[in-house]
Amino acid sequence: QGGTYVVANIRGGGEYGPAWHRAALRQNRHRAYQDFAAVARDLVARGVTTPSRLGIQGGSNGGMLTGNMLVRDPELFGAVVIQVPLLDMRRYHTLLAGASWMSEYGDPDDPEQWEWLQDYSPFHLWDPARAYPPVLLTTSTRDDRVHPAHARTMAWRMVEGRADVLYFENIEGGHAGAADNAQR
């Protein structure tokens, strides 16, 4: 019965102009995740929902967001959907369009930058000893933006850690999932 849909306009997005976007770039990317967690905590504190009834969904860069929420604050959520995500910040720049995002995230080959990049790399933050909510992890074989290896390797890591994860790989669609207009 019922429900509430919330959009969190966190730092790093373009909703409030260039300065808002720049506020969560590179070594400051953690601010976006802090903002999102604050929204989740506020929803619970106000009695809008409970953690067990709070589900989150994000795709592409939003998939990196929900991936980070999963590994940083799993106790805040009852379910997590991670779609066509960027999850391995050690290798992202070597996969498909990843090199073009280095101004946004940083260069993992630079030891100083890797220090802060690993702090928001869900693949590297995964801890099999922690309890996690159920996860739906999706990708696309033909994604030309975010390589499906991000989702594949994370799913493998999660299965090895006995997490409750469902993995789906669309073998025909691209980054948006559909292969053609008839399938959208």
N, C-alpha and C. Protein backbone atom coordinates (compact mmCIF):
# COMPACT_ATOMS: atom_id res chain seq x y z
N GLN A 1 0.83 -1.19 0.00
CA GLN A 1 0.00 0.00 0.00
C GLN A 1 0.87 1.24 0.00
N GLY A 2 0.62 2.09 -0.92
CA GLY A 2 1.29 3.38 -0.95
C GLY A 2 2.79 3.29 -1.14
N GLY A 3 3.42 4.39 -0.93
CA GLY A 3 4.86 4.48 -1.08
C GLY A 3 5.27 5.92 -1.25
N THR A 4 6.53 6.16 -1.19
CA THR A 4 7.09 7.49 -1.37
C THR A 4 8.27 7.38 -2.30
N TYR A 5 8.35 8.28 -3.27
CA TYR A 5 9.47 8.31 -4.21
C TYR A 5 10.27 9.57 -3.91
N VAL A 6 11.55 9.42 -3.70
CA VAL A 6 12.40 10.55 -3.32
C VAL A 6 13.55 10.67 -4.32
N VAL A 7 13.82 11.89 -4.77
CA VAL A 7 14.99 12.17 -5.60
C VAL A 7 15.95 12.99 -4.74
N ALA A 8 17.15 12.49 -4.57
CA ALA A 8 18.16 13.18 -3.76
C ALA A 8 19.08 13.96 -4.69
N ASN A 9 18.99 15.27 -4.67
CA ASN A 9 19.87 16.11 -5.50
C ASN A 9 21.17 16.36 -4.74
N ILE A 10 22.04 15.37 -4.80
CA ILE A 10 23.28 15.38 -4.04
C ILE A 10 24.38 16.16 -4.77
N ARG A 11 25.36 16.59 -4.01
CA ARG A 11 26.51 17.27 -4.63
C ARG A 11 27.16 16.34 -5.65
N GLY A 12 27.62 16.95 -6.73
CA GLY A 12 28.21 16.20 -7.83
C GLY A 12 27.28 16.12 -9.02
N GLY A 13 26.00 16.36 -8.80
CA GLY A 13 25.03 16.38 -9.90
C GLY A 13 25.03 17.75 -10.56
N GLY A 14 24.29 17.87 -11.63
CA GLY A 14 24.23 19.14 -12.36
C GLY A 14 23.00 19.97 -12.05
N GLU A 15 22.21 19.56 -11.07
CA GLU A 15 20.93 20.21 -10.80
C GLU A 15 21.05 21.68 -10.43
N TYR A 16 22.12 22.05 -9.76
CA TYR A 16 22.27 23.42 -9.26
C TYR A 16 23.47 24.14 -9.84
N GLY A 17 23.89 23.74 -11.02
CA GLY A 17 24.94 24.44 -11.72
C GLY A 17 26.33 23.85 -11.55
N PRO A 18 27.32 24.48 -12.21
CA PRO A 18 28.69 23.95 -12.24
C PRO A 18 29.35 23.84 -10.86
N ALA A 19 29.13 24.81 -9.99
CA ALA A 19 29.78 24.75 -8.67
C ALA A 19 29.26 23.55 -7.87
N TRP A 20 27.98 23.27 -7.98
CA TRP A 20 27.38 22.12 -7.30
C TRP A 20 28.00 20.82 -7.83
N HIS A 21 28.19 20.76 -9.12
CA HIS A 21 28.82 19.59 -9.73
C HIS A 21 30.27 19.44 -9.26
N ARG A 22 31.01 20.52 -9.30
CA ARG A 22 32.44 20.48 -8.92
C ARG A 22 32.64 20.15 -7.44
N ALA A 23 31.63 20.37 -6.62
CA ALA A 23 31.76 20.14 -5.18
C ALA A 23 32.01 18.68 -4.82
N ALA A 24 31.76 17.76 -5.75
CA ALA A 24 31.97 16.34 -5.45
C ALA A 24 32.76 15.63 -6.55
N LEU A 25 33.76 16.30 -7.07
CA LEU A 25 34.64 15.69 -8.06
C LEU A 25 35.89 15.13 -7.40
N ARG A 26 36.47 14.14 -8.05
CA ARG A 26 37.77 13.59 -7.71
C ARG A 26 37.91 13.26 -6.22
N GLN A 27 38.84 13.89 -5.51
CA GLN A 27 39.05 13.56 -4.10
C GLN A 27 37.87 13.95 -3.22
N ASN A 28 36.94 14.72 -3.74
CA ASN A 28 35.76 15.11 -2.98
C ASN A 28 34.52 14.30 -3.34
N ARG A 29 34.69 13.23 -4.09
CA ARG A 29 33.54 12.42 -4.53
C ARG A 29 32.77 11.85 -3.35
N HIS A 30 33.46 11.60 -2.26
CA HIS A 30 32.80 11.06 -1.07
C HIS A 30 31.65 11.94 -0.59
N ARG A 31 31.68 13.23 -0.93
CA ARG A 31 30.60 14.13 -0.51
C ARG A 31 29.25 13.69 -1.08
N ALA A 32 29.26 13.21 -2.31
CA ALA A 32 28.01 12.72 -2.92
C ALA A 32 27.43 11.57 -2.10
N TYR A 33 28.28 10.68 -1.64
CA TYR A 33 27.82 9.52 -0.88
C TYR A 33 27.39 9.93 0.52
N GLN A 34 28.08 10.89 1.10
CA GLN A 34 27.65 11.42 2.40
C GLN A 34 26.28 12.07 2.29
N ASP A 35 26.07 12.85 1.23
CA ASP A 35 24.77 13.50 1.02
C ASP A 35 23.66 12.46 0.87
N PHE A 36 23.90 11.43 0.08
CA PHE A 36 22.88 10.41 -0.16
C PHE A 36 22.54 9.68 1.14
N ALA A 37 23.55 9.33 1.92
CA ALA A 37 23.32 8.66 3.20
C ALA A 37 22.55 9.58 4.14
N ALA A 38 22.84 10.88 4.11
CA ALA A 38 22.12 11.83 4.96
C ALA A 38 20.63 11.88 4.59
N VAL A 39 20.32 11.82 3.31
CA VAL A 39 18.92 11.79 2.88
C VAL A 39 18.25 10.52 3.40
N ALA A 40 18.91 9.38 3.27
CA ALA A 40 18.34 8.12 3.76
C ALA A 40 18.09 8.20 5.26
N ARG A 41 19.05 8.70 6.01
CA ARG A 41 18.89 8.80 7.46
C ARG A 41 17.76 9.76 7.82
N ASP A 42 17.64 10.85 7.07
CA ASP A 42 16.57 11.81 7.33
C ASP A 42 15.20 11.19 7.06
N LEU A 43 15.07 10.41 6.01
CA LEU A 43 13.79 9.75 5.72
C LEU A 43 13.38 8.82 6.86
N VAL A 44 14.34 8.13 7.44
CA VAL A 44 14.07 7.25 8.57
C VAL A 44 13.75 8.08 9.82
N ALA A 45 14.54 9.11 10.08
CA ALA A 45 14.33 9.95 11.27
C ALA A 45 12.97 10.63 11.26
N ARG A 46 12.49 11.01 10.09
CA ARG A 46 11.18 11.67 9.97
C ARG A 46 10.02 10.68 9.97
N GLY A 47 10.32 9.40 9.97
CA GLY A 47 9.28 8.39 9.98
C GLY A 47 8.65 8.13 8.62
N VAL A 48 9.30 8.60 7.56
CA VAL A 48 8.80 8.36 6.21
C VAL A 48 8.92 6.88 5.85
N THR A 49 9.98 6.26 6.32
CA THR A 49 10.23 4.84 6.02
C THR A 49 11.12 4.25 7.10
N THR A 50 11.44 3.00 6.93
CA THR A 50 12.41 2.31 7.78
C THR A 50 13.50 1.76 6.86
N PRO A 51 14.67 1.48 7.39
CA PRO A 51 15.71 0.93 6.52
C PRO A 51 15.28 -0.33 5.77
N SER A 52 14.53 -1.19 6.41
CA SER A 52 14.13 -2.43 5.74
C SER A 52 13.16 -2.20 4.58
N ARG A 53 12.51 -1.03 4.55
CA ARG A 53 11.57 -0.72 3.48
C ARG A 53 12.13 0.30 2.49
N LEU A 54 13.36 0.69 2.68
CA LEU A 54 13.98 1.70 1.81
C LEU A 54 14.82 1.01 0.74
N GLY A 55 14.39 1.14 -0.50
CA GLY A 55 15.13 0.59 -1.63
C GLY A 55 15.73 1.72 -2.45
N ILE A 56 16.89 1.46 -3.04
CA ILE A 56 17.54 2.47 -3.87
C ILE A 56 17.88 1.86 -5.22
N GLN A 57 17.93 2.73 -6.24
CA GLN A 57 18.21 2.29 -7.60
C GLN A 57 19.02 3.36 -8.29
N GLY A 58 20.04 2.94 -9.03
CA GLY A 58 20.84 3.88 -9.81
C GLY A 58 21.55 3.18 -10.94
N GLY A 59 21.68 3.90 -12.06
CA GLY A 59 22.35 3.35 -13.22
C GLY A 59 23.47 4.23 -13.70
N SER A 60 24.50 3.62 -14.27
CA SER A 60 25.68 4.30 -14.79
C SER A 60 26.43 4.96 -13.62
N ASN A 61 26.59 6.27 -13.62
CA ASN A 61 27.20 6.93 -12.47
C ASN A 61 26.33 6.74 -11.23
N GLY A 62 25.01 6.67 -11.45
CA GLY A 62 24.10 6.36 -10.35
C GLY A 62 24.29 4.94 -9.85
N GLY A 63 24.77 4.05 -10.71
CA GLY A 63 25.12 2.70 -10.28
C GLY A 63 26.35 2.71 -9.38
N MET A 64 27.27 3.62 -9.67
CA MET A 64 28.41 3.77 -8.77
C MET A 64 27.92 4.32 -7.43
N LEU A 65 26.95 5.22 -7.47
CA LEU A 65 26.36 5.75 -6.24
C LEU A 65 25.72 4.63 -5.42
N THR A 66 24.84 3.84 -6.04
CA THR A 66 24.18 2.79 -5.26
C THR A 66 25.16 1.69 -4.86
N GLY A 67 26.19 1.46 -5.67
CA GLY A 67 27.25 0.54 -5.28
C GLY A 67 27.99 1.03 -4.05
N ASN A 68 28.27 2.31 -4.00
CA ASN A 68 28.92 2.88 -2.82
C ASN A 68 28.02 2.85 -1.60
N MET A 69 26.74 3.10 -1.79
CA MET A 69 25.81 3.03 -0.66
C MET A 69 25.76 1.62 -0.10
N LEU A 70 25.79 0.64 -0.99
CA LEU A 70 25.79 -0.76 -0.57
C LEU A 70 26.98 -1.07 0.33
N VAL A 71 28.17 -0.68 -0.08
CA VAL A 71 29.37 -1.05 0.68
C VAL A 71 29.65 -0.11 1.84
N ARG A 72 29.17 1.12 1.80
CA ARG A 72 29.44 2.08 2.86
C ARG A 72 28.40 2.01 3.99
N ASP A 73 27.13 1.94 3.60
CA ASP A 73 26.04 2.04 4.58
C ASP A 73 24.96 0.99 4.33
N PRO A 74 25.32 -0.28 4.31
CA PRO A 74 24.33 -1.31 3.97
C PRO A 74 23.15 -1.37 4.94
N GLU A 75 23.37 -0.94 6.17
CA GLU A 75 22.31 -1.00 7.17
C GLU A 75 21.18 0.01 6.92
N LEU A 76 21.41 0.95 6.00
CA LEU A 76 20.40 1.97 5.71
C LEU A 76 19.34 1.51 4.72
N PHE A 77 19.55 0.37 4.05
CA PHE A 77 18.70 0.00 2.93
C PHE A 77 18.20 -1.44 3.02
N GLY A 78 16.98 -1.63 2.51
CA GLY A 78 16.39 -2.96 2.46
C GLY A 78 16.62 -3.67 1.15
N ALA A 79 16.96 -2.90 0.11
CA ALA A 79 17.25 -3.48 -1.21
C ALA A 79 18.02 -2.46 -2.03
N VAL A 80 18.90 -2.95 -2.90
CA VAL A 80 19.73 -2.07 -3.73
C VAL A 80 19.72 -2.59 -5.16
N VAL A 81 19.42 -1.69 -6.10
CA VAL A 81 19.48 -2.01 -7.53
C VAL A 81 20.64 -1.22 -8.12
N ILE A 82 21.57 -1.93 -8.74
CA ILE A 82 22.77 -1.34 -9.32
C ILE A 82 22.77 -1.69 -10.80
N GLN A 83 22.61 -0.67 -11.66
CA GLN A 83 22.47 -0.91 -13.10
C GLN A 83 23.64 -0.31 -13.87
N VAL A 84 24.13 -1.04 -14.87
CA VAL A 84 25.25 -0.64 -15.73
C VAL A 84 26.26 0.23 -14.98
N PRO A 85 26.81 -0.31 -13.89
CA PRO A 85 27.58 0.51 -12.96
C PRO A 85 29.08 0.60 -13.26
N LEU A 86 29.64 1.64 -12.72
CA LEU A 86 31.08 1.85 -12.64
C LEU A 86 31.45 1.46 -11.21
N LEU A 87 32.21 0.38 -11.02
CA LEU A 87 32.46 -0.14 -9.68
C LEU A 87 33.93 -0.38 -9.35
N ASP A 88 34.76 -0.55 -10.35
CA ASP A 88 36.18 -0.85 -10.13
C ASP A 88 37.00 0.37 -10.53
N MET A 89 37.32 1.20 -9.56
CA MET A 89 38.01 2.45 -9.85
C MET A 89 39.51 2.25 -10.08
N ARG A 90 40.00 1.05 -9.90
CA ARG A 90 41.40 0.75 -10.20
C ARG A 90 41.60 0.57 -11.71
N ARG A 91 40.59 0.01 -12.38
CA ARG A 91 40.72 -0.32 -13.80
C ARG A 91 39.79 0.48 -14.71
N TYR A 92 38.95 1.33 -14.16
CA TYR A 92 37.91 1.98 -14.97
C TYR A 92 38.47 2.69 -16.19
N HIS A 93 39.63 3.30 -16.05
CA HIS A 93 40.20 4.11 -17.13
C HIS A 93 40.76 3.27 -18.28
N THR A 94 40.84 1.96 -18.10
CA THR A 94 41.34 1.07 -19.16
C THR A 94 40.20 0.39 -19.92
N LEU A 95 38.98 0.63 -19.51
CA LEU A 95 37.82 -0.06 -20.08
C LEU A 95 36.93 0.92 -20.84
N LEU A 96 36.76 0.68 -22.12
CA LEU A 96 35.88 1.47 -22.99
C LEU A 96 36.12 2.96 -22.82
N ALA A 97 35.08 3.72 -22.49
CA ALA A 97 35.17 5.19 -22.44
C ALA A 97 35.79 5.70 -21.14
N GLY A 98 36.21 4.80 -20.28
CA GLY A 98 36.70 5.17 -18.96
C GLY A 98 37.77 6.24 -18.92
N ALA A 99 38.69 6.22 -19.86
CA ALA A 99 39.78 7.22 -19.85
C ALA A 99 39.23 8.63 -19.98
N SER A 100 38.09 8.79 -20.62
CA SER A 100 37.51 10.13 -20.80
C SER A 100 36.92 10.68 -19.50
N TRP A 101 36.82 9.87 -18.47
CA TRP A 101 36.25 10.32 -17.19
C TRP A 101 37.31 10.67 -16.15
N MET A 102 38.57 10.67 -16.54
CA MET A 102 39.62 10.90 -15.56
C MET A 102 39.55 12.29 -14.94
N SER A 103 39.05 13.28 -15.66
CA SER A 103 38.93 14.61 -15.06
C SER A 103 37.84 14.63 -13.99
N GLU A 104 36.89 13.73 -14.10
CA GLU A 104 35.79 13.62 -13.13
C GLU A 104 36.23 12.86 -11.87
N TYR A 105 36.95 11.75 -12.07
CA TYR A 105 37.27 10.86 -10.96
C TYR A 105 38.73 10.89 -10.53
N GLY A 106 39.65 10.96 -11.48
CA GLY A 106 41.06 10.92 -11.15
C GLY A 106 41.77 9.80 -11.89
N ASP A 107 43.07 9.73 -11.70
CA ASP A 107 43.93 8.76 -12.39
C ASP A 107 44.40 7.70 -11.40
N PRO A 108 43.90 6.47 -11.50
CA PRO A 108 44.31 5.43 -10.56
C PRO A 108 45.76 5.00 -10.70
N ASP A 109 46.42 5.37 -11.81
CA ASP A 109 47.83 5.04 -11.97
C ASP A 109 48.74 6.00 -11.21
N ASP A 110 48.20 7.10 -10.75
CA ASP A 110 48.93 8.05 -9.92
C ASP A 110 48.71 7.63 -8.46
N PRO A 111 49.77 7.21 -7.74
CA PRO A 111 49.60 6.70 -6.38
C PRO A 111 48.86 7.65 -5.44
N GLU A 112 49.11 8.95 -5.57
CA GLU A 112 48.42 9.91 -4.71
C GLU A 112 46.92 9.92 -4.99
N GLN A 113 46.56 9.87 -6.27
CA GLN A 113 45.14 9.86 -6.62
C GLN A 113 44.48 8.52 -6.29
N TRP A 114 45.22 7.43 -6.43
CA TRP A 114 44.66 6.13 -6.07
C TRP A 114 44.29 6.08 -4.59
N GLU A 115 45.03 6.81 -3.76
CA GLU A 115 44.72 6.85 -2.33
C GLU A 115 43.28 7.26 -2.08
N TRP A 116 42.80 8.29 -2.78
CA TRP A 116 41.41 8.70 -2.57
C TRP A 116 40.44 8.00 -3.50
N LEU A 117 40.88 7.55 -4.66
CA LEU A 117 40.00 6.79 -5.55
C LEU A 117 39.54 5.48 -4.91
N GLN A 118 40.43 4.80 -4.21
CA GLN A 118 40.06 3.53 -3.61
C GLN A 118 39.02 3.70 -2.51
N ASP A 119 38.89 4.91 -1.99
CA ASP A 119 37.88 5.18 -0.97
C ASP A 119 36.47 5.25 -1.53
N TYR A 120 36.33 5.28 -2.84
CA TYR A 120 34.99 5.18 -3.43
C TYR A 120 34.95 4.18 -4.59
N SER A 121 35.70 3.11 -4.42
CA SER A 121 35.70 2.00 -5.38
C SER A 121 34.94 0.83 -4.75
N PRO A 122 33.65 0.67 -5.06
CA PRO A 122 32.87 -0.40 -4.41
C PRO A 122 33.51 -1.78 -4.52
N PHE A 123 34.14 -2.06 -5.64
CA PHE A 123 34.80 -3.36 -5.81
C PHE A 123 35.87 -3.57 -4.74
N HIS A 124 36.59 -2.52 -4.40
CA HIS A 124 37.67 -2.62 -3.42
C HIS A 124 37.18 -2.46 -1.99
N LEU A 125 36.01 -1.87 -1.80
CA LEU A 125 35.46 -1.67 -0.46
C LEU A 125 34.60 -2.85 0.01
N TRP A 126 34.29 -3.77 -0.90
CA TRP A 126 33.46 -4.91 -0.55
C TRP A 126 34.10 -5.71 0.58
N ASP A 127 33.33 -6.00 1.62
CA ASP A 127 33.80 -6.76 2.77
C ASP A 127 32.87 -7.95 2.97
N PRO A 128 33.30 -9.15 2.65
CA PRO A 128 32.41 -10.31 2.76
C PRO A 128 31.97 -10.61 4.20
N ALA A 129 32.62 -10.01 5.17
CA ALA A 129 32.24 -10.24 6.57
C ALA A 129 31.03 -9.39 6.99
N ARG A 130 30.68 -8.38 6.19
CA ARG A 130 29.55 -7.52 6.54
C ARG A 130 28.23 -8.11 6.04
N ALA A 131 27.15 -7.68 6.67
CA ALA A 131 25.81 -8.05 6.22
C ALA A 131 25.33 -7.00 5.22
N TYR A 132 24.78 -7.47 4.11
CA TYR A 132 24.30 -6.58 3.06
C TYR A 132 22.84 -6.88 2.74
N PRO A 133 22.11 -5.87 2.27
CA PRO A 133 20.74 -6.12 1.82
C PRO A 133 20.75 -6.86 0.48
N PRO A 134 19.60 -7.38 0.06
CA PRO A 134 19.53 -8.01 -1.27
C PRO A 134 19.88 -7.01 -2.37
N VAL A 135 20.54 -7.52 -3.42
CA VAL A 135 21.02 -6.68 -4.52
C VAL A 135 20.57 -7.26 -5.85
N LEU A 136 20.11 -6.37 -6.74
CA LEU A 136 19.92 -6.71 -8.15
C LEU A 136 21.00 -5.95 -8.90
N LEU A 137 21.86 -6.67 -9.58
CA LEU A 137 22.99 -6.09 -10.31
C LEU A 137 22.80 -6.40 -11.79
N THR A 138 22.69 -5.36 -12.61
CA THR A 138 22.44 -5.57 -14.04
C THR A 138 23.50 -4.87 -14.89
N THR A 139 23.72 -5.43 -16.07
CA THR A 139 24.64 -4.82 -17.02
C THR A 139 24.20 -5.20 -18.43
N SER A 140 24.95 -4.76 -19.40
CA SER A 140 24.66 -5.06 -20.80
C SER A 140 25.94 -5.48 -21.50
N THR A 141 25.89 -6.61 -22.18
CA THR A 141 27.05 -7.13 -22.90
C THR A 141 27.61 -6.11 -23.89
N ARG A 142 26.72 -5.38 -24.53
CA ARG A 142 27.13 -4.45 -25.58
C ARG A 142 27.19 -3.00 -25.11
N ASP A 143 27.29 -2.79 -23.84
CA ASP A 143 27.41 -1.43 -23.32
C ASP A 143 28.69 -0.81 -23.87
N ASP A 144 28.58 0.33 -24.53
CA ASP A 144 29.75 0.98 -25.11
C ASP A 144 30.29 2.10 -24.23
N ARG A 145 29.71 2.29 -23.07
CA ARG A 145 30.18 3.33 -22.13
C ARG A 145 30.84 2.71 -20.91
N VAL A 146 30.06 1.93 -20.16
CA VAL A 146 30.60 1.29 -18.95
C VAL A 146 30.75 -0.20 -19.24
N HIS A 147 31.96 -0.66 -19.22
CA HIS A 147 32.25 -2.06 -19.56
C HIS A 147 31.51 -3.00 -18.59
N PRO A 148 30.92 -4.08 -19.12
CA PRO A 148 30.21 -5.02 -18.25
C PRO A 148 31.11 -5.72 -17.24
N ALA A 149 32.41 -5.63 -17.40
CA ALA A 149 33.32 -6.23 -16.42
C ALA A 149 33.12 -5.65 -15.03
N HIS A 150 32.70 -4.39 -14.95
CA HIS A 150 32.43 -3.79 -13.63
C HIS A 150 31.38 -4.61 -12.89
N ALA A 151 30.27 -4.88 -13.54
CA ALA A 151 29.19 -5.64 -12.90
C ALA A 151 29.55 -7.11 -12.75
N ARG A 152 30.18 -7.67 -13.77
CA ARG A 152 30.53 -9.10 -13.72
C ARG A 152 31.45 -9.42 -12.55
N THR A 153 32.50 -8.64 -12.39
CA THR A 153 33.47 -8.94 -11.33
C THR A 153 32.89 -8.65 -9.95
N MET A 154 32.04 -7.62 -9.86
CA MET A 154 31.41 -7.34 -8.57
C MET A 154 30.43 -8.45 -8.21
N ALA A 155 29.66 -8.91 -9.19
CA ALA A 155 28.74 -10.02 -8.93
C ALA A 155 29.50 -11.25 -8.46
N TRP A 156 30.61 -11.54 -9.12
CA TRP A 156 31.44 -12.68 -8.72
C TRP A 156 31.91 -12.50 -7.27
N ARG A 157 32.39 -11.32 -6.95
CA ARG A 157 32.87 -11.05 -5.59
C ARG A 157 31.74 -11.23 -4.58
N MET A 158 30.56 -10.77 -4.93
CA MET A 158 29.42 -10.87 -4.02
C MET A 158 28.97 -12.32 -3.84
N VAL A 159 28.93 -13.08 -4.91
CA VAL A 159 28.56 -14.49 -4.82
C VAL A 159 29.58 -15.25 -3.98
N GLU A 160 30.85 -14.97 -4.20
CA GLU A 160 31.91 -15.60 -3.40
C GLU A 160 31.74 -15.28 -1.92
N GLY A 161 31.24 -14.08 -1.62
CA GLY A 161 31.01 -13.67 -0.24
C GLY A 161 29.65 -14.06 0.29
N ARG A 162 28.92 -14.86 -0.48
CA ARG A 162 27.61 -15.38 -0.09
C ARG A 162 26.57 -14.28 0.12
N ALA A 163 26.66 -13.23 -0.66
CA ALA A 163 25.66 -12.16 -0.60
C ALA A 163 24.40 -12.58 -1.34
N ASP A 164 23.29 -11.95 -0.99
CA ASP A 164 22.01 -12.18 -1.66
C ASP A 164 21.98 -11.28 -2.89
N VAL A 165 22.46 -11.80 -4.02
CA VAL A 165 22.57 -10.99 -5.24
C VAL A 165 21.95 -11.72 -6.43
N LEU A 166 21.19 -10.97 -7.20
CA LEU A 166 20.70 -11.45 -8.50
C LEU A 166 21.46 -10.68 -9.56
N TYR A 167 21.96 -11.38 -10.55
CA TYR A 167 22.73 -10.76 -11.63
C TYR A 167 22.00 -10.98 -12.94
N PHE A 168 21.88 -9.91 -13.73
CA PHE A 168 21.27 -10.03 -15.05
C PHE A 168 22.14 -9.28 -16.05
N GLU A 169 22.46 -9.94 -17.15
CA GLU A 169 23.21 -9.30 -18.23
C GLU A 169 22.39 -9.36 -19.51
N ASN A 170 22.00 -8.19 -19.99
CA ASN A 170 21.27 -8.07 -21.25
C ASN A 170 22.29 -8.30 -22.37
N ILE A 171 22.08 -9.32 -23.18
CA ILE A 171 23.08 -9.64 -24.21
C ILE A 171 22.88 -8.86 -25.50
N GLU A 172 21.81 -8.09 -25.61
CA GLU A 172 21.56 -7.36 -26.85
C GLU A 172 21.63 -5.85 -26.71
N GLY A 173 21.27 -5.32 -25.59
CA GLY A 173 21.16 -3.87 -25.46
C GLY A 173 22.48 -3.19 -25.19
N GLY A 174 22.45 -1.89 -25.30
CA GLY A 174 23.61 -1.07 -24.99
C GLY A 174 23.53 -0.51 -23.59
N HIS A 175 24.07 0.68 -23.38
CA HIS A 175 24.11 1.28 -22.06
C HIS A 175 22.72 1.51 -21.49
N ALA A 176 21.77 1.84 -22.35
CA ALA A 176 20.39 2.08 -21.90
C ALA A 176 19.58 0.79 -21.79
N GLY A 177 20.14 -0.31 -22.20
CA GLY A 177 19.50 -1.60 -22.03
C GLY A 177 18.76 -2.14 -23.23
N ALA A 178 17.96 -1.34 -23.90
CA ALA A 178 17.17 -1.84 -25.03
C ALA A 178 18.03 -1.95 -26.28
N ALA A 179 17.75 -2.95 -27.08
CA ALA A 179 18.52 -3.15 -28.31
C ALA A 179 17.97 -2.31 -29.46
N ASP A 180 16.66 -2.08 -29.47
CA ASP A 180 16.05 -1.25 -30.50
C ASP A 180 14.76 -0.65 -29.95
N ASN A 181 14.12 0.23 -30.70
CA ASN A 181 12.93 0.91 -30.21
C ASN A 181 11.80 -0.05 -29.87
N ALA A 182 11.68 -1.15 -30.58
CA ALA A 182 10.62 -2.12 -30.31
C ALA A 182 10.79 -2.78 -28.94
N GLN A 183 12.02 -2.86 -28.45
CA GLN A 183 12.28 -3.50 -27.16
C GLN A 183 12.23 -2.52 -25.99
N ARG A 184 12.12 -1.23 -26.26
CA ARG A 184 12.09 -0.24 -25.17
C ARG A 184 10.79 -0.24 -24.51
